[in-house]
Protein backbone atom coordinates (compact mmCIF):
# COMPACT_ATOMS: atom_id res chain seq x y z
CA UNK A 1 -87.34 66.63 -46.10
CA UNK A 2 -86.06 63.08 -45.80
CA UNK A 3 -87.79 59.62 -45.81
CA UNK A 4 -85.43 57.95 -43.26
CA UNK A 5 -86.71 54.54 -44.01
CA UNK A 6 -85.78 54.45 -47.62
CA UNK A 7 -83.10 57.45 -47.39
CA UNK A 8 -85.02 59.07 -50.11
CA UNK A 9 -86.08 62.96 -50.18
CA UNK A 10 -88.31 65.46 -51.25
CA UNK A 11 -87.04 68.92 -52.23
CA UNK A 12 -88.30 71.89 -50.15
CA UNK A 13 -91.04 73.75 -52.20
CA UNK A 14 -90.76 75.99 -53.88
CA UNK A 15 -87.33 75.50 -55.78
CA UNK A 16 -86.92 77.81 -58.65
CA UNK A 17 -84.01 77.14 -61.03
CA UNK A 18 -81.37 79.52 -61.34
CA UNK A 19 -82.29 81.43 -64.88
CA UNK A 20 -79.67 81.11 -67.48
CA UNK A 21 -78.11 84.78 -68.54
CA UNK A 22 -78.97 86.25 -71.72
CA UNK A 23 -76.63 85.97 -74.43
CA UNK A 24 -74.78 88.93 -75.60
CA UNK A 25 -76.98 91.45 -77.57
CA UNK A 26 -80.21 89.89 -76.45
CA UNK A 27 -83.07 92.31 -75.57
CA UNK A 28 -83.70 92.91 -71.87
CA UNK A 29 -86.92 91.22 -70.97
CA UNK A 30 -87.66 89.23 -74.15
CA UNK A 31 -87.90 85.65 -73.78
CA UNK A 32 -85.46 83.40 -75.33
CA UNK A 33 -86.98 80.97 -77.81
CA UNK A 34 -85.41 78.21 -79.89
CA UNK A 35 -85.35 78.18 -83.50
CA UNK A 36 -88.66 76.89 -84.85
CA UNK A 37 -88.12 73.79 -87.06
CA UNK A 38 -90.85 71.65 -88.36
CA UNK A 39 -90.94 68.28 -86.48
CA UNK A 40 -91.34 64.99 -88.42
CA UNK A 41 -92.63 61.91 -87.36
CA UNK A 42 -90.61 60.47 -84.53
CA UNK A 43 -89.16 57.06 -85.24
CA UNK A 44 -89.17 54.32 -82.68
CA UNK A 45 -85.30 54.59 -82.19
CA UNK A 46 -85.25 58.42 -82.27
CA UNK A 47 -88.28 58.19 -79.22
CA UNK A 48 -86.35 55.56 -77.35
CA UNK A 49 -83.12 57.76 -77.49
CA UNK A 50 -85.19 60.78 -76.26
CA UNK A 51 -86.93 59.03 -73.64
CA UNK A 52 -83.35 57.78 -72.29
CA UNK A 53 -82.05 61.42 -72.36
CA UNK A 54 -85.20 62.76 -70.55
CA UNK A 55 -84.89 60.02 -68.10
CA UNK A 56 -81.18 60.88 -67.53
CA UNK A 57 -81.58 64.66 -67.12
CA UNK A 58 -84.64 64.30 -64.79
CA UNK A 59 -82.39 61.55 -62.74
CA UNK A 60 -79.54 64.38 -62.45
CA UNK A 61 -81.83 67.06 -61.17
CA UNK A 62 -83.73 64.58 -58.65
CA UNK A 63 -81.61 61.83 -57.72
CA UNK A 64 -83.75 59.91 -55.32
CA UNK A 65 -87.06 61.98 -54.69
CA UNK A 66 -90.14 60.71 -53.03
CA UNK A 67 -93.43 61.68 -52.23
CA UNK A 68 -93.95 64.80 -50.56
CA UNK A 69 -97.09 63.46 -48.50
CA UNK A 70 -95.81 62.91 -44.86
CA UNK A 71 -96.39 59.54 -43.54
CA UNK A 72 -95.08 57.27 -40.85
CA UNK A 73 -96.71 54.01 -41.92
CA UNK A 74 -98.50 52.42 -45.04
CA UNK A 75 -101.80 53.23 -43.60
CA UNK A 76 -100.85 56.95 -43.06
CA UNK A 77 -99.63 57.03 -46.84
CA UNK A 78 -102.87 55.32 -47.93
CA UNK A 79 -105.23 57.92 -46.19
CA UNK A 80 -102.84 60.78 -47.39
CA UNK A 81 -102.99 59.74 -51.09
CA UNK A 82 -106.77 59.51 -50.80
CA UNK A 83 -107.17 62.94 -49.39
CA UNK A 84 -104.78 64.33 -51.90
CA UNK A 85 -107.29 64.11 -54.89
CA UNK A 86 -108.27 67.50 -55.94
CA UNK A 87 -106.12 68.99 -53.50
CA UNK A 88 -102.37 69.99 -52.78
CA UNK A 89 -99.77 68.02 -50.68
CA UNK A 90 -99.49 71.05 -48.34
CA UNK A 91 -103.07 71.10 -47.50
CA UNK A 92 -103.06 67.58 -46.95
CA UNK A 93 -100.06 67.41 -44.77
CA UNK A 94 -101.70 69.98 -42.57
CA UNK A 95 -104.67 68.18 -42.11
CA UNK A 96 -103.23 64.75 -41.61
CA UNK A 97 -101.42 65.99 -38.34
CA UNK A 98 -104.37 66.61 -36.67
CA UNK A 99 -106.21 63.57 -38.21
CA UNK A 100 -103.65 61.02 -37.07
CA UNK A 101 -103.17 62.73 -33.67
CA UNK A 102 -107.00 62.56 -33.03
CA UNK A 103 -107.38 58.99 -34.76
CA UNK A 104 -103.87 57.22 -34.23
CA UNK A 105 -105.12 53.91 -35.44
CA UNK A 106 -106.99 52.15 -38.23
CA UNK A 107 -109.50 51.16 -35.48
CA UNK A 108 -109.95 54.65 -34.24
CA UNK A 109 -110.57 56.09 -37.44
CA UNK A 110 -113.08 53.31 -38.51
CA UNK A 111 -115.04 54.12 -35.36
CA UNK A 112 -114.78 58.04 -35.75
CA UNK A 113 -118.05 60.27 -35.91
CA UNK A 114 -118.72 60.95 -39.54
CA UNK A 115 -119.50 64.56 -38.87
CA UNK A 116 -116.48 65.24 -37.05
CA UNK A 117 -114.46 63.50 -39.61
CA UNK A 118 -116.03 65.47 -42.41
CA UNK A 119 -115.32 68.71 -40.43
CA UNK A 120 -111.52 67.76 -40.15
CA UNK A 121 -111.13 66.89 -43.79
CA UNK A 122 -112.95 70.01 -45.26
CA UNK A 123 -109.69 72.02 -46.12
CA UNK A 124 -108.92 68.81 -48.72
CA UNK A 125 -112.20 69.58 -50.74
CA UNK A 126 -114.80 66.76 -51.38
CA UNK A 127 -114.68 66.15 -47.78
CA UNK A 128 -117.85 63.95 -47.48
CA UNK A 129 -116.62 61.51 -50.24
CA UNK A 130 -113.05 61.63 -48.86
CA UNK A 131 -114.59 60.77 -45.28
CA UNK A 132 -116.44 57.93 -46.53
CA UNK A 133 -113.54 56.53 -48.46
CA UNK A 134 -110.84 56.87 -45.53
CA UNK A 135 -113.63 55.36 -42.85
CA UNK A 136 -114.61 52.71 -45.60
CA UNK A 137 -111.08 51.68 -46.30
CA UNK A 138 -110.43 51.43 -42.53
CA UNK A 139 -113.31 49.31 -41.94
CA UNK A 140 -112.47 47.12 -44.62
CA UNK A 141 -108.94 46.53 -43.50
CA UNK A 142 -110.23 45.60 -40.32
CA UNK A 143 -112.71 43.14 -41.58
CA UNK A 144 -110.20 41.61 -44.24
CA UNK A 145 -107.11 42.32 -43.22
CA UNK A 146 -106.78 42.51 -39.55
CA UNK A 147 -106.09 46.13 -39.93
CA UNK A 148 -103.06 46.06 -42.05
CA UNK A 149 -102.49 47.57 -45.40
CA UNK A 150 -102.04 44.68 -48.11
CA UNK A 151 -99.01 45.01 -50.30
CA UNK A 152 -100.64 43.83 -53.79
CA UNK A 153 -102.32 45.77 -56.33
CA UNK A 154 -105.37 43.26 -56.40
CA UNK A 155 -106.03 43.65 -52.80
CA UNK A 156 -105.47 47.39 -52.59
CA UNK A 157 -107.89 48.31 -55.37
CA UNK A 158 -110.47 46.48 -53.51
CA UNK A 159 -110.53 49.17 -50.82
CA UNK A 160 -113.20 51.99 -50.83
CA UNK A 161 -111.66 55.01 -52.79
CA UNK A 162 -108.34 53.10 -53.83
CA UNK A 163 -107.67 53.26 -57.41
CA UNK A 164 -104.67 52.38 -59.43
CA UNK A 165 -102.90 55.71 -58.86
CA UNK A 166 -103.22 55.49 -55.05
CA UNK A 167 -102.43 51.83 -54.86
CA UNK A 168 -99.12 52.71 -57.06
CA UNK A 169 -98.19 55.36 -54.58
CA UNK A 170 -98.57 53.05 -51.64
CA UNK A 171 -96.70 50.09 -53.39
CA UNK A 172 -93.92 51.99 -54.92
CA UNK A 173 -93.31 54.80 -52.07
CA UNK A 174 -93.69 52.61 -49.05
CA UNK A 175 -93.40 48.98 -50.02
CA UNK A 176 -90.73 49.71 -52.76
CA UNK A 177 -92.67 47.62 -55.40
CA UNK A 178 -92.89 48.88 -58.95
CA UNK A 179 -96.31 47.61 -59.93
CA UNK A 180 -97.12 50.51 -62.43
CA UNK A 181 -96.87 54.38 -62.74
CA UNK A 182 -98.47 56.89 -60.55
CA UNK A 183 -100.35 59.06 -62.95
CA UNK A 184 -101.48 62.32 -61.32
CA UNK A 185 -102.35 65.48 -62.95
CA UNK A 186 -98.87 66.61 -63.01
CA UNK A 187 -97.55 63.29 -64.71
CA UNK A 188 -100.45 63.20 -67.24
CA UNK A 189 -99.84 66.99 -68.03
CA UNK A 190 -96.03 66.53 -68.57
CA UNK A 191 -96.50 63.20 -70.18
CA UNK A 192 -98.46 64.91 -73.09
CA UNK A 193 -96.30 67.95 -73.45
CA UNK A 194 -93.18 65.86 -73.67
CA UNK A 195 -94.73 63.91 -76.50
CA UNK A 196 -94.80 60.45 -74.29
CA UNK A 197 -98.55 59.91 -74.83
CA UNK A 198 -101.37 61.28 -76.62
CA UNK A 199 -104.04 60.03 -74.36
CA UNK A 200 -105.92 61.74 -71.36
CA UNK A 201 -107.22 58.54 -69.65
CA UNK A 202 -104.68 58.11 -66.73
CA UNK A 203 -104.91 54.18 -67.27
CA UNK A 204 -103.83 54.61 -70.87
CA UNK A 205 -101.22 57.33 -69.87
CA UNK A 206 -99.85 54.57 -67.48
CA UNK A 207 -99.86 52.08 -70.14
CA UNK A 208 -97.84 54.22 -72.46
CA UNK A 209 -95.21 55.17 -69.63
CA UNK A 210 -94.80 51.63 -68.62
CA UNK A 211 -93.75 50.62 -72.33
CA UNK A 212 -91.28 53.59 -72.55
CA UNK A 213 -89.50 53.45 -69.12
CA UNK A 214 -87.83 50.57 -67.56
CA UNK A 215 -89.88 48.87 -64.66
CA UNK A 216 -87.38 49.47 -62.00
CA UNK A 217 -87.77 53.29 -62.54
CA UNK A 218 -91.85 53.27 -62.68
CA UNK A 219 -91.82 54.86 -59.28
CA UNK A 220 -88.96 57.24 -59.15
CA UNK A 221 -89.78 58.32 -62.86
CA UNK A 222 -93.34 59.35 -61.30
CA UNK A 223 -91.87 61.30 -58.74
CA UNK A 224 -89.43 63.14 -60.80
CA UNK A 225 -92.09 64.29 -63.12
CA UNK A 226 -94.25 65.28 -60.27
CA UNK A 227 -91.54 67.46 -58.86
CA UNK A 228 -90.66 68.81 -62.26
CA UNK A 229 -94.28 69.68 -62.94
CA UNK A 230 -94.45 71.54 -59.43
CA UNK A 231 -91.17 73.63 -60.26
CA UNK A 232 -90.72 74.14 -63.67
CA UNK A 233 -93.41 72.84 -65.89
CA UNK A 234 -96.75 74.10 -64.02
CA UNK A 235 -99.94 73.86 -65.48
CA UNK A 236 -100.61 77.86 -66.25
CA UNK A 237 -97.30 79.15 -66.11
CA UNK A 238 -94.40 76.58 -67.70
CA UNK A 239 -90.94 78.36 -67.75
CA UNK A 240 -89.72 76.92 -70.70
CA UNK A 241 -87.04 79.47 -70.69
CA UNK A 242 -85.67 77.67 -67.43
CA UNK A 243 -86.31 74.38 -68.65
CA UNK A 244 -83.48 71.70 -69.17
CA UNK A 245 -85.83 69.60 -71.17
CA UNK A 246 -86.99 72.27 -73.81
CA UNK A 247 -84.66 70.92 -76.56
CA UNK A 248 -86.30 67.42 -75.93
CA UNK A 249 -89.77 68.75 -75.78
CA UNK A 250 -92.26 69.19 -78.62
CA UNK A 251 -94.53 71.62 -76.65
CA UNK A 252 -91.62 74.03 -75.68
CA UNK A 253 -92.64 77.72 -76.01
CA UNK A 254 -96.18 76.64 -77.00
CA UNK A 255 -98.01 76.33 -73.94
CA UNK A 256 -98.83 78.78 -71.25
CA UNK A 257 -97.52 82.29 -71.17
CA UNK A 258 -95.74 81.47 -74.50
CA UNK A 259 -99.00 81.13 -76.25
CA UNK A 260 -100.09 84.46 -75.20
CA UNK A 261 -96.58 86.20 -76.05
CA UNK A 262 -96.81 84.61 -79.44
CA UNK A 263 -100.67 85.82 -80.20
CA UNK A 264 -99.48 89.42 -78.87
CA UNK A 265 -96.56 89.35 -81.29
CA UNK A 266 -98.64 88.34 -84.14
CA UNK A 267 -101.31 91.15 -83.28
CA UNK A 268 -98.47 93.59 -83.15
CA UNK A 269 -97.21 92.56 -86.59
CA UNK A 270 -100.74 92.85 -87.98
CA UNK A 271 -101.55 96.32 -89.53
CA UNK A 272 -104.65 97.71 -88.27
CA UNK A 273 -107.48 98.39 -90.49
CA UNK A 274 -107.02 102.30 -91.35
CA UNK A 275 -103.21 101.60 -91.92
CA UNK A 276 -104.29 98.45 -94.23
CA UNK A 277 -106.68 100.69 -96.01
CA UNK A 278 -104.17 103.40 -96.50
CA UNK A 279 -101.62 100.98 -97.88
CA UNK A 280 -104.19 99.68 -100.11
CA UNK A 281 -104.92 103.29 -101.55
CA UNK A 282 -101.23 103.98 -102.08
CA UNK A 283 -100.63 100.94 -104.39
CA UNK A 284 -100.61 101.92 -107.97
């Protein structure tokens, strides 16, 4: 789907990479794993080089992606981003179609009946808090900004329900301003798996990424990680066997299905108790 205003796009979902063929003689159905080599502490120069290669490969896969949240204005993107918390973009896009049809302007949403608004937002989860936030944001904009969405971080985070993540989405994806890095669940997960941060707090993760990535790439790097996290490096089933970043990733074949596979293989190699006792009695 294209963003005509910026000329950017977001891929159709889901997009599954074509699996690489097994090498000759490789057993069918057995996942390919890279050789296990001990990792030394990464030097600053090595880290810089690795991050540069990560950025290059992600850029080749996603040259100019943008947010998957459907929007026609900064206001619509702001609302959609608030609603996307603990929900999926697919669900949010379905809800906002009806939401903006029924309440097309900031003033319309500010004056909406709260119970009707909550019912409309129910599919996104946490609908009471979200209804309070989007309606509060609408009223704040009318009171302080004549109904227009501001284009600065300091002003955006003053809105009800808006933190740095939401502000970064609006600033980067609509106003094309790189004020920070969007850290959602995908960005946080991939940043830790790729060894770009050890932090769990989104603010600290953002600070770590801002030090590693050039400022002019902050927004697009976020989008690339988000799409890669949806398509390849998913939370529960990361496809390390199809991942073009695996050789650069300290977590490759150590998460998700690969953890279960490793435990199963270890259990299969371990002799059962009767066999172990029989082996002990057979020793001279």
